N, C-alpha and C. Protein backbone atom coordinates (compact mmCIF):
# COMPACT_ATOMS: atom_id res chain seq x y z
N UNK A 1 0.85 -1.17 0.00
CA UNK A 1 0.00 0.00 0.00
C UNK A 1 0.90 1.24 0.00
N UNK A 2 0.55 2.23 -0.83
CA UNK A 2 1.34 3.45 -0.93
C UNK A 2 1.13 4.32 0.31
N UNK A 3 2.20 5.02 0.67
CA UNK A 3 2.11 5.96 1.79
C UNK A 3 1.26 7.15 1.36
N UNK A 4 0.65 7.79 2.34
CA UNK A 4 -0.17 8.98 2.05
C UNK A 4 0.72 10.09 1.51
N UNK A 5 0.22 10.84 0.53
CA UNK A 5 1.04 11.93 -0.03
C UNK A 5 1.32 13.00 1.02
N UNK A 6 2.49 13.62 0.88
CA UNK A 6 2.89 14.70 1.79
C UNK A 6 2.35 16.01 1.23
N UNK A 7 1.27 16.48 1.82
CA UNK A 7 0.65 17.71 1.34
C UNK A 7 1.39 18.95 1.81
N UNK A 8 2.33 18.79 2.73
CA UNK A 8 3.04 19.97 3.24
C UNK A 8 3.86 20.65 2.15
N UNK A 9 4.37 19.88 1.18
CA UNK A 9 5.12 20.48 0.07
C UNK A 9 4.21 21.38 -0.76
N UNK A 10 2.99 20.94 -0.99
CA UNK A 10 2.03 21.77 -1.75
C UNK A 10 1.69 23.04 -0.97
N UNK A 11 1.53 22.91 0.32
CA UNK A 11 1.20 24.07 1.15
C UNK A 11 2.35 25.07 1.14
N UNK A 12 3.58 24.58 1.31
CA UNK A 12 4.75 25.47 1.28
C UNK A 12 4.87 26.16 -0.07
N UNK A 13 4.67 25.40 -1.15
CA UNK A 13 4.74 25.97 -2.50
C UNK A 13 3.68 27.05 -2.68
N UNK A 14 2.46 26.76 -2.28
CA UNK A 14 1.38 27.74 -2.43
C UNK A 14 1.65 28.99 -1.61
N UNK A 15 2.14 28.82 -0.40
CA UNK A 15 2.48 29.99 0.44
C UNK A 15 3.55 30.85 -0.22
N UNK A 16 4.56 30.20 -0.80
CA UNK A 16 5.64 30.94 -1.47
C UNK A 16 5.11 31.68 -2.69
N UNK A 17 4.29 31.02 -3.48
CA UNK A 17 3.72 31.66 -4.68
C UNK A 17 2.85 32.85 -4.28
N UNK A 18 2.06 32.69 -3.24
CA UNK A 18 1.19 33.79 -2.80
C UNK A 18 2.01 34.97 -2.28
N UNK A 19 3.15 34.70 -1.64
CA UNK A 19 3.98 35.79 -1.14
C UNK A 19 4.63 36.55 -2.29
N UNK A 20 5.37 35.84 -3.15
CA UNK A 20 6.08 36.56 -4.21
C UNK A 20 5.15 36.96 -5.35
N UNK A 21 3.96 36.37 -5.40
CA UNK A 21 3.01 36.71 -6.45
C UNK A 21 2.11 37.89 -6.13
N UNK A 22 2.22 38.42 -4.93
CA UNK A 22 1.40 39.59 -4.59
C UNK A 22 1.81 40.76 -5.47
N UNK A 23 0.87 41.62 -5.75
CA UNK A 23 1.13 42.73 -6.66
C UNK A 23 2.35 43.52 -6.21
N UNK A 24 3.30 43.68 -7.11
CA UNK A 24 4.54 44.45 -6.99
C UNK A 24 5.63 43.75 -6.18
N UNK A 25 5.33 42.68 -5.48
CA UNK A 25 6.35 42.05 -4.65
C UNK A 25 7.52 41.53 -5.47
N UNK A 26 7.23 40.82 -6.54
CA UNK A 26 8.30 40.32 -7.39
C UNK A 26 9.14 41.44 -7.97
N UNK A 27 8.49 42.53 -8.35
CA UNK A 27 9.21 43.68 -8.91
C UNK A 27 10.11 44.33 -7.87
N UNK A 28 9.65 44.39 -6.63
CA UNK A 28 10.46 44.97 -5.55
C UNK A 28 11.70 44.10 -5.32
N UNK A 29 11.50 42.79 -5.28
CA UNK A 29 12.63 41.87 -5.11
C UNK A 29 13.59 42.02 -6.29
N UNK A 30 13.04 42.12 -7.48
CA UNK A 30 13.84 42.28 -8.69
C UNK A 30 14.72 43.53 -8.60
N UNK A 31 14.17 44.64 -8.12
CA UNK A 31 14.94 45.87 -7.94
C UNK A 31 16.05 45.66 -6.93
N UNK A 32 15.74 44.98 -5.82
CA UNK A 32 16.74 44.78 -4.77
C UNK A 32 17.82 43.77 -5.17
N UNK A 33 17.60 43.01 -6.23
CA UNK A 33 18.64 42.10 -6.72
C UNK A 33 19.85 42.90 -7.22
N UNK A 34 19.65 44.17 -7.55
CA UNK A 34 20.75 45.04 -7.98
C UNK A 34 21.53 45.60 -6.80
N UNK A 35 21.10 45.32 -5.58
CA UNK A 35 21.79 45.80 -4.39
C UNK A 35 20.86 46.58 -3.49
N UNK A 36 21.34 46.92 -2.29
CA UNK A 36 20.52 47.66 -1.34
C UNK A 36 20.02 48.97 -1.94
N UNK A 37 18.83 49.37 -1.50
CA UNK A 37 18.23 50.61 -2.01
C UNK A 37 17.33 51.22 -0.95
N UNK A 38 17.19 52.52 -1.04
CA UNK A 38 16.29 53.23 -0.13
C UNK A 38 14.88 53.17 -0.71
N UNK A 39 13.93 53.51 0.12
CA UNK A 39 12.52 53.57 -0.28
C UNK A 39 12.38 54.44 -1.53
N UNK A 40 13.01 55.62 -1.49
CA UNK A 40 12.89 56.57 -2.61
C UNK A 40 13.63 56.12 -3.86
N UNK A 41 14.53 55.16 -3.73
CA UNK A 41 15.20 54.60 -4.90
C UNK A 41 14.39 53.45 -5.51
N UNK A 42 13.67 52.73 -4.67
CA UNK A 42 12.85 51.62 -5.16
C UNK A 42 11.62 52.14 -5.88
N UNK A 43 10.95 53.10 -5.29
CA UNK A 43 9.65 53.58 -5.77
C UNK A 43 9.63 53.92 -7.26
N UNK A 44 10.55 54.73 -7.78
CA UNK A 44 10.46 55.08 -9.20
C UNK A 44 10.81 53.94 -10.17
N UNK A 45 11.40 52.87 -9.65
CA UNK A 45 11.79 51.76 -10.52
C UNK A 45 10.66 50.77 -10.77
N UNK A 46 9.55 50.94 -10.04
CA UNK A 46 8.40 50.06 -10.21
C UNK A 46 7.22 50.92 -10.65
N UNK A 47 6.94 50.96 -11.94
CA UNK A 47 5.86 51.82 -12.44
C UNK A 47 4.53 51.53 -11.76
N UNK A 48 3.82 52.58 -11.44
CA UNK A 48 2.48 52.53 -10.84
C UNK A 48 2.46 52.12 -9.37
N UNK A 49 3.61 51.83 -8.78
CA UNK A 49 3.66 51.49 -7.36
C UNK A 49 3.51 52.75 -6.53
N UNK A 50 2.68 52.69 -5.52
CA UNK A 50 2.42 53.83 -4.65
C UNK A 50 3.14 53.64 -3.32
N UNK A 51 3.39 54.78 -2.65
CA UNK A 51 4.12 54.78 -1.37
C UNK A 51 3.56 53.78 -0.37
N UNK A 52 2.26 53.85 -0.14
CA UNK A 52 1.63 53.02 0.89
C UNK A 52 1.81 51.54 0.60
N UNK A 53 1.63 51.17 -0.67
CA UNK A 53 1.76 49.76 -1.04
C UNK A 53 3.22 49.30 -0.96
N UNK A 54 4.16 50.15 -1.34
CA UNK A 54 5.58 49.80 -1.20
C UNK A 54 5.91 49.56 0.27
N UNK A 55 5.42 50.42 1.12
CA UNK A 55 5.66 50.27 2.56
C UNK A 55 5.10 48.94 3.06
N UNK A 56 3.89 48.60 2.65
CA UNK A 56 3.26 47.32 3.06
C UNK A 56 4.07 46.13 2.56
N UNK A 57 4.46 46.18 1.30
CA UNK A 57 5.19 45.05 0.72
C UNK A 57 6.57 44.88 1.36
N UNK A 58 7.25 45.97 1.61
CA UNK A 58 8.56 45.87 2.27
C UNK A 58 8.41 45.26 3.66
N UNK A 59 7.37 45.64 4.38
CA UNK A 59 7.13 45.08 5.71
C UNK A 59 6.84 43.57 5.61
N UNK A 60 6.03 43.17 4.64
CA UNK A 60 5.73 41.75 4.44
C UNK A 60 7.00 40.97 4.11
N UNK A 61 7.83 41.53 3.23
CA UNK A 61 9.07 40.86 2.86
C UNK A 61 10.04 40.79 4.03
N UNK A 62 10.05 41.83 4.85
CA UNK A 62 10.88 41.82 6.06
C UNK A 62 10.38 40.75 7.03
N UNK A 63 9.07 40.68 7.23
CA UNK A 63 8.49 39.68 8.12
C UNK A 63 8.77 38.25 7.64
N UNK A 64 8.85 38.08 6.31
CA UNK A 64 9.11 36.77 5.73
C UNK A 64 10.60 36.42 5.71
N UNK A 65 11.45 37.36 6.12
CA UNK A 65 12.88 37.11 6.14
C UNK A 65 13.55 37.22 4.78
N UNK A 66 12.89 37.88 3.83
CA UNK A 66 13.42 38.03 2.48
C UNK A 66 14.19 39.34 2.34
N UNK A 67 13.76 40.34 3.09
CA UNK A 67 14.37 41.67 3.05
C UNK A 67 14.77 42.06 4.46
N UNK A 68 15.88 42.75 4.57
CA UNK A 68 16.30 43.31 5.85
C UNK A 68 16.29 44.83 5.72
N UNK A 69 15.83 45.47 6.76
CA UNK A 69 15.76 46.94 6.82
C UNK A 69 16.90 47.41 7.71
N UNK A 70 17.72 48.30 7.17
CA UNK A 70 18.87 48.81 7.92
C UNK A 70 18.77 50.33 8.05
N UNK A 71 18.81 50.80 9.30
CA UNK A 71 18.82 52.24 9.55
C UNK A 71 20.28 52.66 9.60
N UNK A 72 20.66 53.55 8.69
CA UNK A 72 22.04 54.01 8.62
C UNK A 72 22.27 55.17 9.58
N UNK A 73 23.42 55.18 10.24
CA UNK A 73 23.71 56.25 11.20
C UNK A 73 24.15 57.53 10.49
N UNK A 74 23.20 58.24 9.96
CA UNK A 74 23.49 59.49 9.26
C UNK A 74 22.53 60.57 9.78
N UNK A 75 22.77 61.77 9.39
CA UNK A 75 21.89 62.89 9.76
C UNK A 75 21.32 63.49 8.51
N UNK A 76 20.04 63.47 8.28
CA UNK A 76 19.06 62.70 9.05
C UNK A 76 19.25 61.20 8.80
N UNK A 77 18.74 60.37 9.71
CA UNK A 77 18.88 58.93 9.52
C UNK A 77 18.25 58.49 8.19
N UNK A 78 18.89 57.53 7.55
CA UNK A 78 18.32 57.00 6.32
C UNK A 78 18.16 55.49 6.46
N UNK A 79 17.26 54.96 5.67
CA UNK A 79 16.95 53.53 5.74
C UNK A 79 17.23 52.91 4.38
N UNK A 80 17.88 51.76 4.40
CA UNK A 80 18.15 51.00 3.17
C UNK A 80 17.54 49.62 3.34
N UNK A 81 17.10 49.08 2.24
CA UNK A 81 16.54 47.73 2.22
C UNK A 81 17.46 46.86 1.38
N UNK A 82 17.67 45.64 1.84
CA UNK A 82 18.54 44.71 1.12
C UNK A 82 17.95 43.31 1.22
N UNK A 83 18.27 42.50 0.25
CA UNK A 83 17.85 41.10 0.29
C UNK A 83 18.70 40.33 1.29
N UNK A 84 18.08 39.45 2.01
CA UNK A 84 18.79 38.52 2.89
C UNK A 84 19.28 37.36 2.02
N UNK A 85 19.96 36.41 2.61
CA UNK A 85 20.36 35.20 1.87
C UNK A 85 19.12 34.52 1.31
N UNK A 86 18.07 34.47 2.10
CA UNK A 86 16.81 33.86 1.65
C UNK A 86 16.25 34.61 0.45
N UNK A 87 16.34 35.92 0.47
CA UNK A 87 15.86 36.73 -0.65
C UNK A 87 16.73 36.56 -1.88
N UNK A 88 18.05 36.53 -1.69
CA UNK A 88 18.97 36.34 -2.83
C UNK A 88 18.79 34.97 -3.47
N UNK A 89 18.33 34.01 -2.69
CA UNK A 89 18.08 32.67 -3.23
C UNK A 89 16.94 32.67 -4.25
N UNK A 90 16.14 33.73 -4.26
CA UNK A 90 15.06 33.85 -5.24
C UNK A 90 15.56 34.31 -6.61
N UNK A 91 16.80 34.77 -6.69
CA UNK A 91 17.31 35.33 -7.95
C UNK A 91 17.17 34.37 -9.13
N UNK A 92 17.62 33.11 -9.02
CA UNK A 92 17.46 32.22 -10.19
C UNK A 92 15.99 31.96 -10.53
N UNK A 93 15.14 31.97 -9.52
CA UNK A 93 13.71 31.77 -9.75
C UNK A 93 13.15 32.94 -10.56
N UNK A 94 13.49 34.16 -10.15
CA UNK A 94 12.98 35.34 -10.86
C UNK A 94 13.61 35.47 -12.24
N UNK A 95 14.86 35.06 -12.38
CA UNK A 95 15.49 35.08 -13.71
C UNK A 95 14.80 34.08 -14.64
N UNK A 96 14.47 32.90 -14.13
CA UNK A 96 13.76 31.91 -14.94
C UNK A 96 12.37 32.43 -15.32
N UNK A 97 11.70 33.07 -14.38
CA UNK A 97 10.38 33.63 -14.66
C UNK A 97 10.48 34.74 -15.70
N UNK A 98 11.54 35.54 -15.62
CA UNK A 98 11.76 36.60 -16.60
C UNK A 98 11.95 36.00 -17.99
N UNK A 99 12.74 34.95 -18.09
CA UNK A 99 12.92 34.29 -19.39
C UNK A 99 11.59 33.74 -19.90
N UNK A 100 10.80 33.16 -19.02
CA UNK A 100 9.50 32.62 -19.41
C UNK A 100 8.60 33.74 -19.93
N UNK A 101 8.57 34.87 -19.23
CA UNK A 101 7.69 35.97 -19.66
C UNK A 101 8.12 36.52 -21.02
N UNK A 102 9.42 36.53 -21.30
CA UNK A 102 9.89 37.03 -22.59
C UNK A 102 9.37 36.18 -23.75
N UNK A 103 9.18 34.91 -23.50
CA UNK A 103 8.73 34.02 -24.56
C UNK A 103 7.24 33.75 -24.58
N UNK A 104 6.60 33.86 -23.43
CA UNK A 104 5.22 33.38 -23.35
C UNK A 104 4.19 34.37 -22.84
N UNK A 105 4.58 35.29 -22.01
CA UNK A 105 3.59 36.20 -21.42
C UNK A 105 3.47 37.47 -22.23
N UNK A 106 2.26 37.96 -22.36
CA UNK A 106 2.03 39.23 -23.04
C UNK A 106 2.11 40.35 -22.03
N UNK A 107 2.64 41.49 -22.46
CA UNK A 107 2.70 42.65 -21.58
C UNK A 107 1.30 43.22 -21.42
N UNK A 108 0.91 43.39 -20.18
CA UNK A 108 -0.36 44.02 -19.90
C UNK A 108 -0.28 44.65 -18.52
N UNK A 109 -1.13 45.59 -18.27
CA UNK A 109 -1.16 46.25 -16.98
C UNK A 109 -1.93 45.38 -16.01
N UNK A 110 -1.32 45.05 -14.84
CA UNK A 110 -2.04 44.24 -13.84
C UNK A 110 -3.27 44.96 -13.33
N UNK A 111 -4.26 44.18 -13.00
CA UNK A 111 -5.50 44.72 -12.44
C UNK A 111 -5.53 44.47 -10.94
N UNK A 112 -6.21 45.31 -10.22
CA UNK A 112 -6.39 45.10 -8.78
C UNK A 112 -5.19 45.53 -7.98
N UNK A 113 -5.15 45.15 -6.71
CA UNK A 113 -4.04 45.57 -5.87
C UNK A 113 -3.97 44.74 -4.72
């Protein structure tokens, strides 16, 4: 008799897809793949992204351990966001998705938020 399937892999996969698939999350990670950036450096690199939503997404990514927030000791204090090792591990995934979109996905404006 076959062992029962391990549904935990499906749950983990779905949770990961829902996290990085949220509107603008993948784009924010993609921007941070180029190195640490401030809020004001990220915002203009993601078309149609608004301040409030960027703030929410950065907090979610920080809570998930994908992004780290660093307050720099300057006057006035500045904040930079960077990918953690966990976040950098997404790079080949996002590169593969980018290659897939170049061949298969049509450019369109996302709906909703």
